[in-house]
Amino acid sequence: MKLKEQRTDVLKDGLAAAMQCTFIHFPLLHCNHWTLLVLNTLNGRWDLYNSLAKLNKKHADRAKQLANQIANDINGLIPGTIRITNKVRTVTATPQQHPDSYDCGVIVCYLMNRISRNKEIDPNLSRQQCIRFRAKIAVKLLSDRPRSWNPEDNEDSDFDI
């Protein structure tokens, strides 16, 4: 089998598996800013969440390019699924980060958490809520013993503190 055919088969299998989920999240990093592109597989629609609405144009353009590529792949490779649109709706009720913060990544994590659990999104997320959510993320990452780093487990002396 040729390499191109192998890649197409892998992509087709991955997309078919992903389409079994209700929402597929695409966190996008563009120009040092995180946004979230979400595909709703039940209706084939895209939503873009941007915590810096004033910079919406360049991030929206990048999200639209990606949505178009993915829509073409899904529509072309997986017959019988819902038709995926290439139009992207910008969600205006997205929490906005404070101008002097770097909370875009935290807000993307918050959004993925809420969307995947079908919970309401608070568009007025406060700075304190972002700080608390950031702390919860850190605790979860550090307390996941099988997958987190533990200084006692490290034999490499380059990491001694």
Protein backbone atom coordinates (compact mmCIF):
# COMPACT_ATOMS: atom_id res chain seq x y z
CA MET A 1 0.00 0.00 0.00
CA LYS A 2 1.32 3.44 -0.88
CA LEU A 3 2.13 5.94 1.86
CA LYS A 4 -0.62 8.34 0.73
CA GLU A 5 -3.22 5.55 0.90
CA GLN A 6 -1.99 4.54 4.36
CA ARG A 7 -2.29 8.11 5.61
CA THR A 8 -5.78 8.38 4.13
CA ASP A 9 -6.84 5.16 5.88
CA VAL A 10 -5.44 6.35 9.22
CA LEU A 11 -7.15 9.73 8.83
CA LYS A 12 -10.42 8.09 7.82
CA ASP A 13 -10.35 5.74 10.83
CA GLY A 14 -9.48 8.58 13.22
CA LEU A 15 -12.19 10.86 11.88
CA ALA A 16 -14.79 8.08 11.98
CA ALA A 17 -13.92 7.39 15.64
CA ALA A 18 -13.99 11.11 16.50
CA MET A 19 -17.41 11.49 14.87
CA GLN A 20 -18.82 9.15 17.54
CA CYS A 21 -18.35 11.99 20.05
CA THR A 22 -20.83 14.85 20.32
CA PHE A 23 -18.18 17.56 20.44
CA ILE A 24 -14.69 17.60 18.98
CA HIS A 25 -12.45 20.28 20.47
CA PHE A 26 -9.64 21.93 18.54
CA PRO A 27 -7.59 24.19 20.83
CA LEU A 28 -5.73 26.55 18.50
CA LEU A 29 -2.56 28.47 19.27
CA HIS A 30 -2.10 31.34 16.85
CA CYS A 31 0.12 34.38 17.44
CA ASN A 32 0.66 33.41 21.11
CA HIS A 33 -3.08 33.29 21.78
CA TRP A 34 -5.27 30.26 22.48
CA THR A 35 -8.77 30.00 21.01
CA LEU A 36 -11.14 27.05 20.87
CA LEU A 37 -12.80 25.69 17.74
CA VAL A 38 -15.56 23.17 18.46
CA LEU A 39 -17.31 20.85 16.02
CA ASN A 40 -20.79 19.70 17.05
CA THR A 41 -21.13 16.34 15.30
CA LEU A 42 -24.89 16.21 15.83
CA ASN A 43 -25.58 19.21 13.62
CA GLY A 44 -22.29 19.58 11.70
CA ARG A 45 -21.71 23.13 12.93
CA TRP A 46 -18.56 24.89 14.11
CA ASP A 47 -18.27 27.32 17.03
CA LEU A 48 -15.25 29.52 17.75
CA TYR A 49 -14.55 30.77 21.27
CA ASN A 50 -12.10 33.65 21.59
CA SER A 51 -11.28 35.25 24.96
CA LEU A 52 -9.88 38.33 23.17
CA ALA A 53 -12.82 39.37 21.02
CA LYS A 54 -11.02 42.54 19.92
CA LEU A 55 -8.46 40.39 18.10
CA ASN A 56 -11.13 38.22 16.55
CA LYS A 57 -10.36 38.67 12.84
CA LYS A 58 -6.95 37.01 12.53
CA HIS A 59 -7.88 34.16 14.90
CA ALA A 60 -11.22 33.67 13.18
CA ASP A 61 -9.52 33.48 9.78
CA ARG A 62 -7.16 30.77 11.03
CA ALA A 63 -10.04 28.82 12.60
CA LYS A 64 -12.03 29.06 9.36
CA GLN A 65 -9.11 27.62 7.39
CA LEU A 66 -8.85 24.66 9.75
CA ALA A 67 -12.62 24.10 9.83
CA ASN A 68 -12.70 24.10 6.04
CA GLN A 69 -9.90 21.52 5.82
CA ILE A 70 -11.50 19.24 8.39
CA ALA A 71 -15.00 19.61 6.90
CA ASN A 72 -13.64 18.65 3.48
CA ASP A 73 -11.84 15.63 4.95
CA ILE A 74 -14.88 14.41 6.89
CA ASN A 75 -17.33 15.03 4.06
CA GLY A 76 -15.00 13.38 1.53
CA LEU A 77 -13.77 10.42 3.54
CA ILE A 78 -16.72 9.36 5.66
CA PRO A 79 -19.85 8.85 3.60
CA GLY A 80 -23.14 8.64 5.44
CA THR A 81 -22.25 11.01 8.28
CA ILE A 82 -23.91 14.34 8.79
CA ARG A 83 -22.67 16.97 6.36
CA ILE A 84 -20.14 19.21 8.08
CA THR A 85 -20.42 22.88 7.21
CA ASN A 86 -17.33 24.98 6.60
CA LYS A 87 -18.94 28.05 8.18
CA VAL A 88 -17.69 29.06 11.62
CA ARG A 89 -19.89 30.89 14.12
CA THR A 90 -18.05 33.10 16.61
CA VAL A 91 -19.62 32.67 20.03
CA THR A 92 -20.04 36.18 21.42
CA ALA A 93 -20.92 34.95 24.93
CA THR A 94 -17.33 33.79 25.51
CA PRO A 95 -15.54 34.68 28.75
CA GLN A 96 -13.09 37.50 28.12
CA GLN A 97 -9.64 37.60 29.66
CA HIS A 98 -8.45 40.71 31.40
CA PRO A 99 -6.15 42.87 29.25
CA ASP A 100 -3.10 42.32 31.43
CA SER A 101 -3.53 38.56 31.84
CA TYR A 102 -2.45 35.46 29.99
CA ASP A 103 -5.61 33.52 30.80
CA CYS A 104 -6.48 32.47 27.24
CA GLY A 105 -5.22 28.90 27.83
CA VAL A 106 -7.04 28.64 31.14
CA ILE A 107 -10.23 29.90 29.52
CA VAL A 108 -9.88 27.33 26.71
CA CYS A 109 -9.55 24.57 29.36
CA TYR A 110 -12.59 25.99 31.18
CA LEU A 111 -14.59 25.99 27.94
CA MET A 112 -13.63 22.41 27.01
CA ASN A 113 -14.58 21.27 30.51
CA ARG A 114 -17.98 22.98 30.39
CA ILE A 115 -18.84 22.07 26.78
CA SER A 116 -17.89 18.40 27.14
CA ARG A 117 -20.07 18.11 30.25
CA ASN A 118 -23.01 20.06 28.71
CA LYS A 119 -22.70 22.70 31.42
CA GLU A 120 -23.56 26.35 31.07
CA ILE A 121 -20.67 28.67 30.20
CA ASP A 122 -20.32 31.78 32.33
CA PRO A 123 -19.47 34.59 29.88
CA ASN A 124 -18.58 36.84 32.84
CA LEU A 125 -15.82 34.66 34.25
CA SER A 126 -13.94 36.79 36.78
CA ARG A 127 -10.20 37.07 37.24
CA GLN A 128 -10.59 35.24 40.59
CA GLN A 129 -12.47 32.39 38.90
CA CYS A 130 -9.65 32.09 36.34
CA ILE A 131 -7.09 31.95 39.15
CA ARG A 132 -9.09 29.24 40.95
CA PHE A 133 -9.55 27.24 37.75
CA ARG A 134 -5.80 27.52 37.00
CA ALA A 135 -5.08 26.16 40.51
CA LYS A 136 -7.52 23.27 39.98
CA ILE A 137 -5.76 22.38 36.73
CA ALA A 138 -2.37 22.42 38.48
CA VAL A 139 -3.63 20.23 41.34
CA LYS A 140 -5.13 17.72 38.91
CA LEU A 141 -1.93 17.54 36.89
CA LEU A 142 0.31 17.17 39.93
CA SER A 143 -1.89 14.70 41.81
CA ASP A 144 -2.30 12.24 38.95
CA ARG A 145 0.35 9.86 40.33
CA PRO A 146 0.60 7.44 37.41
CA ARG A 147 1.18 10.25 34.92
CA SER A 148 2.83 13.03 36.89
CA TRP A 149 6.46 13.58 37.76
CA ASN A 150 7.66 12.65 41.21
CA PRO A 151 11.10 13.79 42.42
CA GLU A 152 11.62 10.49 44.27
CA ASP A 153 11.18 8.57 41.02
CA ASN A 154 13.85 10.54 39.19
CA GLU A 155 17.29 8.93 39.00
CA ASP A 156 18.72 11.66 36.77
CA SER A 157 21.06 13.88 38.80
CA ASP A 158 20.67 16.72 36.24
CA PHE A 159 17.29 17.44 37.84
CA ASP A 160 18.45 17.58 41.44
CA ILE A 161 17.25 20.64 43.25
